Amino acid sequence: MQGKLKWKAEQFRHLEDVLRKVRGEFKESEKQWGSDISTLVDQIAALETSLDSKTRVAEEFRSRLEMCSQALAHEEGRRRNLEAEMADLGRKYGDVVSEYEEARMLV
């Protein structure tokens, strides 16, 4: 009986040691998990900052592109007007040349 009791006490001490070890590992895991969470939160904050910055840059580029597009549309309108004016002047010039040729033939 004494041997059995001694064996059970030894088993109990062994289980207590294992429990302490497991609790220690658990606490260490909790610390590591807390550290990992902190790292992830920091990384998320950095990514959010980067995204905000890139969003601002993209918005600025979009705004500039829109301004350039409007300026291009304005210049294309001016070009079409100048082309129409040049065509009109070309016709008028042709008419003047024709009148000159007719007048020269009459003389």
PDB file of N, CA and C in Angstrom:
ATOM      1  N   MET A   1       0.826  -1.184   0.000  1.00  0.00           N
ATOM      2  CA  MET A   1       0.000   0.000   0.000  1.00  0.00           C
ATOM      3  C   MET A   1       0.874   1.254   0.000  1.00  0.00           C
ATOM      4  N   GLN A   2       1.963   1.182   0.812  1.00  0.00           N
ATOM      5  CA  GLN A   2       2.876   2.312   0.912  1.00  0.00           C
ATOM      6  C   GLN A   2       3.505   2.599  -0.456  1.00  0.00           C
ATOM      7  N   GLY A   3       3.860   1.558  -1.179  1.00  0.00           N
ATOM      8  CA  GLY A   3       4.453   1.705  -2.513  1.00  0.00           C
ATOM      9  C   GLY A   3       3.476   2.347  -3.484  1.00  0.00           C
ATOM     10  N   LYS A   4       2.221   1.932  -3.379  1.00  0.00           N
ATOM     11  CA  LYS A   4       1.196   2.475  -4.265  1.00  0.00           C
ATOM     12  C   LYS A   4       0.983   3.958  -3.967  1.00  0.00           C
ATOM     13  N   LEU A   5       0.974   4.302  -2.692  1.00  0.00           N
ATOM     14  CA  LEU A   5       0.791   5.693  -2.292  1.00  0.00           C
ATOM     15  C   LEU A   5       1.981   6.533  -2.763  1.00  0.00           C
ATOM     16  N   LYS A   6       3.169   5.972  -2.604  1.00  0.00           N
ATOM     17  CA  LYS A   6       4.373   6.664  -3.057  1.00  0.00           C
ATOM     18  C   LYS A   6       4.325   6.873  -4.575  1.00  0.00           C
ATOM     19  N   TRP A   7       3.902   5.840  -5.286  1.00  0.00           N
ATOM     20  CA  TRP A   7       3.800   5.926  -6.750  1.00  0.00           C
ATOM     21  C   TRP A   7       2.793   7.000  -7.148  1.00  0.00           C
ATOM     22  N   LYS A   8       1.622   7.054  -6.465  1.00  0.00           N
ATOM     23  CA  LYS A   8       0.587   8.051  -6.767  1.00  0.00           C
ATOM     24  C   LYS A   8       1.097   9.459  -6.454  1.00  0.00           C
ATOM     25  N   ALA A   9       1.844   9.616  -5.352  1.00  0.00           N
ATOM     26  CA  ALA A   9       2.404  10.929  -5.001  1.00  0.00           C
ATOM     27  C   ALA A   9       3.396  11.369  -6.065  1.00  0.00           C
ATOM     28  N   GLU A  10       4.195  10.418  -6.534  1.00  0.00           N
ATOM     29  CA  GLU A  10       5.159  10.724  -7.590  1.00  0.00           C
ATOM     30  C   GLU A  10       4.445  11.107  -8.884  1.00  0.00           C
ATOM     31  N   GLN A  11       3.418  10.374  -9.218  1.00  0.00           N
ATOM     32  CA  GLN A  11       2.611  10.696 -10.402  1.00  0.00           C
ATOM     33  C   GLN A  11       1.997  12.091 -10.261  1.00  0.00           C
ATOM     34  N   PHE A  12       1.499  12.381  -9.052  1.00  0.00           N
ATOM     35  CA  PHE A  12       0.876  13.677  -8.804  1.00  0.00           C
ATOM     36  C   PHE A  12       1.903  14.800  -8.989  1.00  0.00           C
ATOM     37  N   ARG A  13       3.120  14.625  -8.437  1.00  0.00           N
ATOM     38  CA  ARG A  13       4.177  15.629  -8.608  1.00  0.00           C
ATOM     39  C   ARG A  13       4.528  15.787 -10.089  1.00  0.00           C
ATOM     40  N   HIS A  14       4.606  14.673 -10.746  1.00  0.00           N
ATOM     41  CA  HIS A  14       4.901  14.713 -12.180  1.00  0.00           C
ATOM     42  C   HIS A  14       3.821  15.500 -12.929  1.00  0.00           C
ATOM     43  N   LEU A  15       2.553  15.223 -12.602  1.00  0.00           N
ATOM     44  CA  LEU A  15       1.450  15.947 -13.246  1.00  0.00           C
ATOM     45  C   LEU A  15       1.484  17.436 -12.900  1.00  0.00           C
ATOM     46  N   GLU A  16       1.845  17.757 -11.658  1.00  0.00           N
ATOM     47  CA  GLU A  16       1.968  19.169 -11.278  1.00  0.00           C
ATOM     48  C   GLU A  16       3.077  19.842 -12.081  1.00  0.00           C
ATOM     49  N   ASP A  17       4.214  19.139 -12.244  1.00  0.00           N
ATOM     50  CA  ASP A  17       5.327  19.676 -13.039  1.00  0.00           C
ATOM     51  C   ASP A  17       4.892  19.918 -14.486  1.00  0.00           C
ATOM     52  N   VAL A  18       4.200  18.937 -15.022  1.00  0.00           N
ATOM     53  CA  VAL A  18       3.701  19.069 -16.399  1.00  0.00           C
ATOM     54  C   VAL A  18       2.738  20.250 -16.495  1.00  0.00           C
ATOM     55  N   LEU A  19       1.856  20.374 -15.480  1.00  0.00           N
ATOM     56  CA  LEU A  19       0.900  21.481 -15.471  1.00  0.00           C
ATOM     57  C   LEU A  19       1.626  22.819 -15.421  1.00  0.00           C
ATOM     58  N   ARG A  20       2.658  22.939 -14.574  1.00  0.00           N
ATOM     59  CA  ARG A  20       3.436  24.180 -14.504  1.00  0.00           C
ATOM     60  C   ARG A  20       4.097  24.479 -15.852  1.00  0.00           C
ATOM     61  N   LYS A  21       4.642  23.427 -16.445  1.00  0.00           N
ATOM     62  CA  LYS A  21       5.299  23.601 -17.743  1.00  0.00           C
ATOM     63  C   LYS A  21       4.293  24.068 -18.796  1.00  0.00           C
ATOM     64  N   VAL A  22       3.140  23.424 -18.833  1.00  0.00           N
ATOM     65  CA  VAL A  22       2.106  23.786 -19.813  1.00  0.00           C
ATOM     66  C   VAL A  22       1.616  25.210 -19.564  1.00  0.00           C
ATOM     67  N   ARG A  23       1.426  25.565 -18.278  1.00  0.00           N
ATOM     68  CA  ARG A  23       0.990  26.935 -17.959  1.00  0.00           C
ATOM     69  C   ARG A  23       2.057  27.949 -18.390  1.00  0.00           C
ATOM     70  N   GLY A  24       3.319  27.619 -18.149  1.00  0.00           N
ATOM     71  CA  GLY A  24       4.413  28.499 -18.581  1.00  0.00           C
ATOM     72  C   GLY A  24       4.418  28.674 -20.091  1.00  0.00           C
ATOM     73  N   GLU A  25       4.265  27.552 -20.803  1.00  0.00           N
ATOM     74  CA  GLU A  25       4.215  27.616 -22.262  1.00  0.00           C
ATOM     75  C   GLU A  25       3.011  28.423 -22.726  1.00  0.00           C
ATOM     76  N   PHE A  26       1.886  28.247 -22.012  1.00  0.00           N
ATOM     77  CA  PHE A  26       0.676  28.981 -22.360  1.00  0.00           C
ATOM     78  C   PHE A  26       0.893  30.484 -22.170  1.00  0.00           C
ATOM     79  N   LYS A  27       1.508  30.864 -21.030  1.00  0.00           N
ATOM     80  CA  LYS A  27       1.768  32.285 -20.784  1.00  0.00           C
ATOM     81  C   LYS A  27       2.725  32.844 -21.827  1.00  0.00           C
ATOM     82  N   GLU A  28       3.738  32.058 -22.172  1.00  0.00           N
ATOM     83  CA  GLU A  28       4.686  32.487 -23.201  1.00  0.00           C
ATOM     84  C   GLU A  28       3.976  32.642 -24.545  1.00  0.00           C
ATOM     85  N   SER A  29       3.089  31.710 -24.845  1.00  0.00           N
ATOM     86  CA  SER A  29       2.309  31.798 -26.087  1.00  0.00           C
ATOM     87  C   SER A  29       1.419  33.035 -26.077  1.00  0.00           C
ATOM     88  N   GLU A  30       0.817  33.327 -24.912  1.00  0.00           N
ATOM     89  CA  GLU A  30      -0.014  34.531 -24.803  1.00  0.00           C
ATOM     90  C   GLU A  30       0.819  35.785 -25.054  1.00  0.00           C
ATOM     91  N   LYS A  31       2.040  35.831 -24.478  1.00  0.00           N
ATOM     92  CA  LYS A  31       2.924  36.977 -24.703  1.00  0.00           C
ATOM     93  C   LYS A  31       3.250  37.106 -26.189  1.00  0.00           C
ATOM     94  N   GLN A  32       3.594  35.967 -26.802  1.00  0.00           N
ATOM     95  CA  GLN A  32       3.936  35.977 -28.220  1.00  0.00           C
ATOM     96  C   GLN A  32       2.735  36.402 -29.050  1.00  0.00           C
ATOM     97  N   TRP A  33       1.563  35.902 -28.691  1.00  0.00           N
ATOM     98  CA  TRP A  33       0.337  36.254 -29.399  1.00  0.00           C
ATOM     99  C   TRP A  33       0.090  37.752 -29.269  1.00  0.00           C
ATOM    100  N   GLY A  34       0.277  38.298 -28.055  1.00  0.00           N
ATOM    101  CA  GLY A  34       0.118  39.740 -27.841  1.00  0.00           C
ATOM    102  C   GLY A  34       1.106  40.526 -28.677  1.00  0.00           C
ATOM    103  N   SER A  35       2.330  40.041 -28.737  1.00  0.00           N
ATOM    104  CA  SER A  35       3.355  40.695 -29.553  1.00  0.00           C
ATOM    105  C   SER A  35       2.987  40.624 -31.034  1.00  0.00           C
ATOM    106  N   ASP A  36       2.514  39.447 -31.464  1.00  0.00           N
ATOM    107  CA  ASP A  36       2.097  39.281 -32.860  1.00  0.00           C
ATOM    108  C   ASP A  36       0.942  40.214 -33.197  1.00  0.00           C
ATOM    109  N   ILE A  37      -0.018  40.323 -32.281  1.00  0.00           N
ATOM    110  CA  ILE A  37      -1.159  41.216 -32.507  1.00  0.00           C
ATOM    111  C   ILE A  37      -0.677  42.657 -32.614  1.00  0.00           C
ATOM    112  N   SER A  38       0.227  43.037 -31.723  1.00  0.00           N
ATOM    113  CA  SER A  38       0.771  44.393 -31.750  1.00  0.00           C
ATOM    114  C   SER A  38       1.474  44.663 -33.077  1.00  0.00           C
ATOM    115  N   THR A  39       2.256  43.692 -33.537  1.00  0.00           N
ATOM    116  CA  THR A  39       2.942  43.825 -34.821  1.00  0.00           C
ATOM    117  C   THR A  39       1.939  43.955 -35.958  1.00  0.00           C
ATOM    118  N   LEU A  40       0.905  43.116 -35.929  1.00  0.00           N
ATOM    119  CA  LEU A  40      -0.116  43.186 -36.977  1.00  0.00           C
ATOM    120  C   LEU A  40      -0.849  44.521 -36.965  1.00  0.00           C
ATOM    121  N   VAL A  41      -1.165  45.021 -35.779  1.00  0.00           N
ATOM    122  CA  VAL A  41      -1.836  46.324 -35.668  1.00  0.00           C
ATOM    123  C   VAL A  41      -0.939  47.419 -36.244  1.00  0.00           C
ATOM    124  N   ASP A  42       0.351  47.365 -35.925  1.00  0.00           N
ATOM    125  CA  ASP A  42       1.297  48.344 -36.468  1.00  0.00           C
ATOM    126  C   ASP A  42       1.374  48.248 -37.990  1.00  0.00           C
ATOM    127  N   GLN A  43       1.409  47.015 -38.496  1.00  0.00           N
ATOM    128  CA  GLN A  43       1.461  46.826 -39.947  1.00  0.00           C
ATOM    129  C   GLN A  43       0.185  47.333 -40.610  1.00  0.00           C
ATOM    130  N   ILE A  44      -0.951  47.079 -39.996  1.00  0.00           N
ATOM    131  CA  ILE A  44      -2.226  47.562 -40.539  1.00  0.00           C
ATOM    132  C   ILE A  44      -2.233  49.084 -40.562  1.00  0.00           C
ATOM    133  N   ALA A  45      -1.765  49.710 -39.484  1.00  0.00           N
ATOM    134  CA  ALA A  45      -1.709  51.174 -39.429  1.00  0.00           C
ATOM    135  C   ALA A  45      -0.797  51.714 -40.527  1.00  0.00           C
ATOM    136  N   ALA A  46       0.347  51.069 -40.729  1.00  0.00           N
ATOM    137  CA  ALA A  46       1.274  51.500 -41.781  1.00  0.00           C
ATOM    138  C   ALA A  46       0.637  51.336 -43.155  1.00  0.00           C
ATOM    139  N   LEU A  47      -0.067  50.229 -43.365  1.00  0.00           N
ATOM    140  CA  LEU A  47      -0.743  50.006 -44.648  1.00  0.00           C
ATOM    141  C   LEU A  47      -1.852  51.029 -44.875  1.00  0.00           C
ATOM    142  N   GLU A  48      -2.593  51.361 -43.813  1.00  0.00           N
ATOM    143  CA  GLU A  48      -3.643  52.374 -43.934  1.00  0.00           C
ATOM    144  C   GLU A  48      -3.045  53.728 -44.297  1.00  0.00           C
ATOM    145  N   THR A  49      -1.934  54.072 -43.658  1.00  0.00           N
ATOM    146  CA  THR A  49      -1.264  55.338 -43.963  1.00  0.00           C
ATOM    147  C   THR A  49      -0.794  55.348 -45.410  1.00  0.00           C
ATOM    148  N   SER A  50      -0.199  54.252 -45.832  1.00  0.00           N
ATOM    149  CA  SER A  50       0.272  54.140 -47.214  1.00  0.00           C
ATOM    150  C   SER A  50      -0.895  54.232 -48.194  1.00  0.00           C
ATOM    151  N   LEU A  51      -1.989  53.549 -47.874  1.00  0.00           N
ATOM    152  CA  LEU A  51      -3.170  53.594 -48.739  1.00  0.00           C
ATOM    153  C   LEU A  51      -3.731  55.006 -48.814  1.00  0.00           C
ATOM    154  N   ASP A  52      -3.815  55.690 -47.675  1.00  0.00           N
ATOM    155  CA  ASP A  52      -4.307  57.071 -47.664  1.00  0.00           C
ATOM    156  C   ASP A  52      -3.435  57.961 -48.542  1.00  0.00           C
ATOM    157  N   SER A  53      -2.129  57.795 -48.420  1.00  0.00           N
ATOM    158  CA  SER A  53      -1.197  58.589 -49.213  1.00  0.00           C
ATOM    159  C   SER A  53      -1.375  58.305 -50.703  1.00  0.00           C
ATOM    160  N   LYS A  54      -1.461  57.028 -51.041  1.00  0.00           N
ATOM    161  CA  LYS A  54      -1.621  56.655 -52.448  1.00  0.00           C
ATOM    162  C   LYS A  54      -2.977  57.092 -52.981  1.00  0.00           C
ATOM    163  N   THR A  55      -3.989  57.078 -52.127  1.00  0.00           N
ATOM    164  CA  THR A  55      -5.315  57.542 -52.539  1.00  0.00           C
ATOM    165  C   THR A  55      -5.270  59.036 -52.844  1.00  0.00           C
ATOM    166  N   ARG A  56      -4.565  59.802 -51.987  1.00  0.00           N
ATOM    167  CA  ARG A  56      -4.436  61.244 -52.240  1.00  0.00           C
ATOM    168  C   ARG A  56      -3.697  61.499 -53.552  1.00  0.00           C
ATOM    169  N   VAL A  57      -2.614  60.763 -53.781  1.00  0.00           N
ATOM    170  CA  VAL A  57      -1.846  60.925 -55.019  1.00  0.00           C
ATOM    171  C   VAL A  57      -2.715  60.566 -56.225  1.00  0.00           C
ATOM    172  N   ALA A  58      -3.454  59.466 -56.123  1.00  0.00           N
ATOM    173  CA  ALA A  58      -4.327  59.045 -57.227  1.00  0.00           C
ATOM    174  C   ALA A  58      -5.402  60.097 -57.487  1.00  0.00           C
ATOM    175  N   GLU A  59      -5.957  60.675 -56.430  1.00  0.00           N
ATOM    176  CA  GLU A  59      -6.977  61.712 -56.582  1.00  0.00           C
ATOM    177  C   GLU A  59      -6.376  62.956 -57.241  1.00  0.00           C
ATOM    178  N   GLU A  60      -5.153  63.290 -56.851  1.00  0.00           N
ATOM    179  CA  GLU A  60      -4.478  64.432 -57.470  1.00  0.00           C
ATOM    180  C   GLU A  60      -4.237  64.166 -58.955  1.00  0.00           C
ATOM    181  N   PHE A  61      -3.790  62.953 -59.287  1.00  0.00           N
ATOM    182  CA  PHE A  61      -3.585  62.601 -60.694  1.00  0.00           C
ATOM    183  C   PHE A  61      -4.903  62.624 -61.466  1.00  0.00           C
ATOM    184  N   ARG A  62      -5.978  62.124 -60.829  1.00  0.00           N
ATOM    185  CA  ARG A  62      -7.274  62.133 -61.491  1.00  0.00           C
ATOM    186  C   ARG A  62      -7.711  63.567 -61.771  1.00  0.00           C
ATOM    187  N   SER A  63      -7.495  64.441 -60.809  1.00  0.00           N
ATOM    188  CA  SER A  63      -7.854  65.847 -60.964  1.00  0.00           C
ATOM    189  C   SER A  63      -7.036  66.488 -62.087  1.00  0.00           C
ATOM    190  N   ARG A  64      -5.735  66.206 -62.095  1.00  0.00           N
ATOM    191  CA  ARG A  64      -4.880  66.753 -63.164  1.00  0.00           C
ATOM    192  C   ARG A  64      -5.289  66.205 -64.527  1.00  0.00           C
ATOM    193  N   LEU A  65      -5.596  64.913 -64.570  1.00  0.00           N
ATOM    194  CA  LEU A  65      -6.026  64.303 -65.824  1.00  0.00           C
ATOM    195  C   LEU A  65      -7.310  64.957 -66.322  1.00  0.00           C
ATOM    196  N   GLU A  66      -8.227  65.221 -65.405  1.00  0.00           N
ATOM    197  CA  GLU A  66      -9.478  65.875 -65.781  1.00  0.00           C
ATOM    198  C   GLU A  66      -9.205  67.279 -66.321  1.00  0.00           C
ATOM    199  N   MET A  67      -8.300  68.018 -65.661  1.00  0.00           N
ATOM    200  CA  MET A  67      -7.953  69.359 -66.144  1.00  0.00           C
ATOM    201  C   MET A  67      -7.310  69.285 -67.527  1.00  0.00           C
ATOM    202  N   CYS A  68      -6.411  68.325 -67.718  1.00  0.00           N
ATOM    203  CA  CYS A  68      -5.759  68.158 -69.022  1.00  0.00           C
ATOM    204  C   CYS A  68      -6.776  67.781 -70.090  1.00  0.00           C
ATOM    205  N   SER A  69      -7.716  66.924 -69.725  1.00  0.00           N
ATOM    206  CA  SER A  69      -8.755  66.512 -70.664  1.00  0.00           C
ATOM    207  C   SER A  69      -9.604  67.709 -71.080  1.00  0.00           C
ATOM    208  N   GLN A  70      -9.953  68.560 -70.112  1.00  0.00           N
ATOM    209  CA  GLN A  70     -10.732  69.761 -70.427  1.00  0.00           C
ATOM    210  C   GLN A  70      -9.928  70.716 -71.304  1.00  0.00           C
ATOM    211  N   ALA A  71      -8.635  70.884 -70.982  1.00  0.00           N
ATOM    212  CA  ALA A  71      -7.780  71.759 -71.787  1.00  0.00           C
ATOM    213  C   ALA A  71      -7.643  71.211 -73.202  1.00  0.00           C
ATOM    214  N   LEU A  72      -7.501  69.893 -73.322  1.00  0.00           N
ATOM    215  CA  LEU A  72      -7.395  69.271 -74.637  1.00  0.00           C
ATOM    216  C   LEU A  72      -8.675  69.475 -75.436  1.00  0.00           C
ATOM    217  N   ALA A  73      -9.817  69.292 -74.800  1.00  0.00           N
ATOM    218  CA  ALA A  73     -11.100  69.498 -75.487  1.00  0.00           C
ATOM    219  C   ALA A  73     -11.214  70.944 -75.955  1.00  0.00           C
ATOM    220  N   HIS A  74     -10.780  71.886 -75.120  1.00  0.00           N
ATOM    221  CA  HIS A  74     -10.825  73.303 -75.490  1.00  0.00           C
ATOM    222  C   HIS A  74      -9.917  73.569 -76.698  1.00  0.00           C
ATOM    223  N   GLU A  75      -8.690  73.027 -76.646  1.00  0.00           N
ATOM    224  CA  GLU A  75      -7.745  73.228 -77.752  1.00  0.00           C
ATOM    225  C   GLU A  75      -8.224  72.543 -79.032  1.00  0.00           C
ATOM    226  N   GLU A  76      -8.850  71.386 -78.909  1.00  0.00           N
ATOM    227  CA  GLU A  76      -9.388  70.718 -80.100  1.00  0.00           C
ATOM    228  C   GLU A  76     -10.499  71.559 -80.716  1.00  0.00           C
ATOM    229  N   GLY A  77     -11.322  72.179 -79.885  1.00  0.00           N
ATOM    230  CA  GLY A  77     -12.366  73.077 -80.387  1.00  0.00           C
ATOM    231  C   GLY A  77     -11.751  74.260 -81.114  1.00  0.00           C
ATOM    232  N   ARG A  78     -10.698  74.836 -80.530  1.00  0.00           N
ATOM    233  CA  ARG A  78     -10.003  75.953 -81.199  1.00  0.00           C
ATOM    234  C   ARG A  78      -9.403  75.495 -82.526  1.00  0.00           C
ATOM    235  N   ARG A  79      -8.804  74.287 -82.533  1.00  0.00           N
ATOM    236  CA  ARG A  79      -8.206  73.763 -83.769  1.00  0.00           C
ATOM    237  C   ARG A  79      -9.266  73.601 -84.847  1.00  0.00           C
ATOM    238  N   ARG A  80     -10.430  73.048 -84.482  1.00  0.00           N
ATOM    239  CA  ARG A  80     -11.509  72.882 -85.470  1.00  0.00           C
ATOM    240  C   ARG A  80     -11.972  74.239 -86.004  1.00  0.00           C
ATOM    241  N   ASN A  81     -12.079  75.221 -85.110  1.00  0.00           N
ATOM    242  CA  ASN A  81     -12.477  76.559 -85.551  1.00  0.00           C
ATOM    243  C   ASN A  81     -11.444  77.150 -86.499  1.00  0.00           C
ATOM    244  N   LEU A  82     -10.152  76.982 -86.165  1.00  0.00           N
ATOM    245  CA  LEU A  82      -9.093  77.484 -87.047  1.00  0.00           C
ATOM    246  C   LEU A  82      -9.092  76.751 -88.384  1.00  0.00           C
ATOM    247  N   GLU A  83      -9.324  75.446 -88.362  1.00  0.00           N
ATOM    248  CA  GLU A  83      -9.393  74.690 -89.619  1.00  0.00           C
ATOM    249  C   GLU A  83     -10.552  75.180 -90.474  1.00  0.00           C
ATOM    250  N   ALA A  84     -11.698  75.433 -89.844  1.00  0.00           N
ATOM    251  CA  ALA A  84     -12.855  75.944 -90.587  1.00  0.00           C
ATOM    252  C   ALA A  84     -12.546  77.328 -91.142  1.00  0.00           C
ATOM    253  N   GLU A  85     -11.889  78.164 -90.333  1.00  0.00           N
ATOM    254  CA  GLU A  85     -11.525  79.510 -90.785  1.00  0.00           C
ATOM    255  C   GLU A  85     -10.528  79.438 -91.935  1.00  0.00           C
ATOM    256  N   MET A  86      -9.546  78.512 -91.815  1.00  0.00           N
ATOM    257  CA  MET A  86      -8.562  78.341 -92.898  1.00  0.00           C
ATOM    258  C   MET A  86      -9.242  77.856 -94.181  1.00  0.00           C
ATOM    259  N   ALA A  87     -10.188  76.936 -94.051  1.00  0.00           N
ATOM    260  CA  ALA A  87     -10.908  76.445 -95.229  1.00  0.00           C
ATOM    261  C   ALA A  87     -11.691  77.587 -95.865  1.00  0.00           C
ATOM    262  N   ASP A  88     -12.329  78.412 -95.030  1.00  0.00           N
ATOM    263  CA  ASP A  88     -13.088  79.556 -95.537  1.00  0.00           C
ATOM    264  C   ASP A  88     -12.155  80.546 -96.232  1.00  0.00           C
ATOM    265  N   LEU A  89     -11.007  80.828 -95.612  1.00  0.00           N
ATOM    266  CA  LEU A  89     -10.031  81.730 -96.228  1.00  0.00           C
ATOM    267  C   LEU A  89      -9.491  81.138 -97.530  1.00  0.00           C
ATOM    268  N   GLY A  90      -9.314  79.816 -97.560  1.00  0.00           N
ATOM    269  CA  GLY A  90      -8.854  79.157 -98.785  1.00  0.00           C
ATOM    270  C   GLY A  90      -9.868  79.323 -99.906  1.00  0.00           C
ATOM    271  N   ARG A  91     -11.158  79.176 -99.569  1.00  0.00           N
ATOM    272  CA  ARG A  91     -12.199  79.373-100.595  1.00  0.00           C
ATOM    273  C   ARG A  91     -12.217  80.825-101.074  1.00  0.00           C
ATOM    274  N   LYS A  92     -12.114  81.743-100.125  1.00  0.00           N
ATOM    275  CA  LYS A  92     -12.108  83.165-100.491  1.00  0.00           C
ATOM    276  C   LYS A  92     -10.902  83.485-101.357  1.00  0.00           C
ATOM    277  N   TYR A  93      -9.750  82.919-100.998  1.00  0.00           N
ATOM    278  CA  TYR A  93      -8.552  83.131-101.792  1.00  0.00           C
ATOM    279  C   TYR A  93      -8.761  82.579-103.204  1.00  0.00           C
ATOM    280  N   GLY A  94      -9.350  81.383-103.278  1.00  0.00           N
ATOM    281  CA  GLY A  94      -9.631  80.784-104.588  1.00  0.00           C
ATOM    282  C   GLY A  94     -10.577  81.665-105.393  1.00  0.00           C
ATOM    283  N   ASP A  95     -11.580  82.232-104.719  1.00  0.00           N
ATOM    284  CA  ASP A  95     -12.510  83.132-105.409  1.00  0.00           C
ATOM    285  C   ASP A  95     -11.787  84.374-105.918  1.00  0.00           C
ATOM    286  N   VAL A  96     -10.904  84.939-105.105  1.00  0.00           N
ATOM    287  CA  VAL A  96     -10.150  86.140-105.505  1.00  0.00           C
ATOM    288  C   VAL A  96      -9.248  85.814-106.676  1.00  0.00           C
ATOM    289  N   VAL A  97      -8.584  84.656-106.626  1.00  0.00           N
ATOM    290  CA  VAL A  97      -7.702  84.256-107.730  1.00  0.00           C
ATOM    291  C   VAL A  97      -8.523  84.082-109.000  1.00  0.00           C
ATOM    292  N   SER A  98      -9.701  83.466-108.872  1.00  0.00           N
ATOM    293  CA  SER A  98     -10.564  83.278-110.049  1.00  0.00           C
ATOM    294  C   SER A  98     -11.003  84.619-110.609  1.00  0.00           C
ATOM    295  N   GLU A  99     -11.406  85.541-109.741  1.00  0.00           N
ATOM    296  CA  GLU A  99     -11.817  86.877-110.199  1.00  0.00           C
ATOM    297  C   GLU A  99     -10.660  87.592-110.873  1.00  0.00           C
ATOM    298  N   TYR A 100      -9.457  87.440-110.303  1.00  0.00           N
ATOM    299  CA  TYR A 100      -8.280  88.078-110.878  1.00  0.00           C
ATOM    300  C   TYR A 100      -8.003  87.513-112.267  1.00  0.00           C
ATOM    301  N   GLU A 101      -8.083  86.170-112.390  1.00  0.00           N
ATOM    302  CA  GLU A 101      -7.831  85.534-113.683  1.00  0.00           C
ATOM    303  C   GLU A 101      -8.868  85.987-114.710  1.00  0.00           C
ATOM    304  N   GLU A 102     -10.129  86.082-114.293  1.00  0.00           N
ATOM    305  CA  GLU A 102     -11.187  86.536-115.208  1.00  0.00           C
ATOM    306  C   GLU A 102     -10.949  87.978-115.618  1.00  0.00           C
ATOM    307  N   ALA A 103     -10.572  88.803-114.648  1.00  0.00           N
ATOM    308  CA  ALA A 103     -10.325  90.214-114.948  1.00  0.00           C
ATOM    309  C   ALA A 103      -9.117  90.347-115.860  1.00  0.00           C
ATOM    310  N   ARG A 104      -8.115  89.539-115.657  1.00  0.00           N
ATOM    311  CA  ARG A 104      -6.926  89.599-116.496  1.00  0.00           C
ATOM    312  C   ARG A 104      -7.238  89.177-117.923  1.00  0.00           C
ATOM    313  N   MET A 105      -8.145  88.225-118.080  1.00  0.00           N
ATOM    314  CA  MET A 105      -8.510  87.771-119.420  1.00  0.00           C
ATOM    315  C   MET A 105      -9.302  88.837-120.161  1.00  0.00           C
ATOM    316  N   LEU A 106     -10.044  89.602-119.405  1.00  0.00           N
ATOM    317  CA  LEU A 106     -10.848  90.636-120.036  1.00  0.00           C
ATOM    318  C   LEU A 106      -9.991  91.805-120.487  1.00  0.00           C
ATOM    319  N   VAL A 107      -8.888  91.965-119.913  1.00  0.00           N
ATOM    320  CA  VAL A 107      -8.048  93.113-120.254  1.00  0.00           C
ATOM    321  C   VAL A 107      -7.203  92.842-121.422  1.00  0.00           C
TER     322      VAL A 107
END
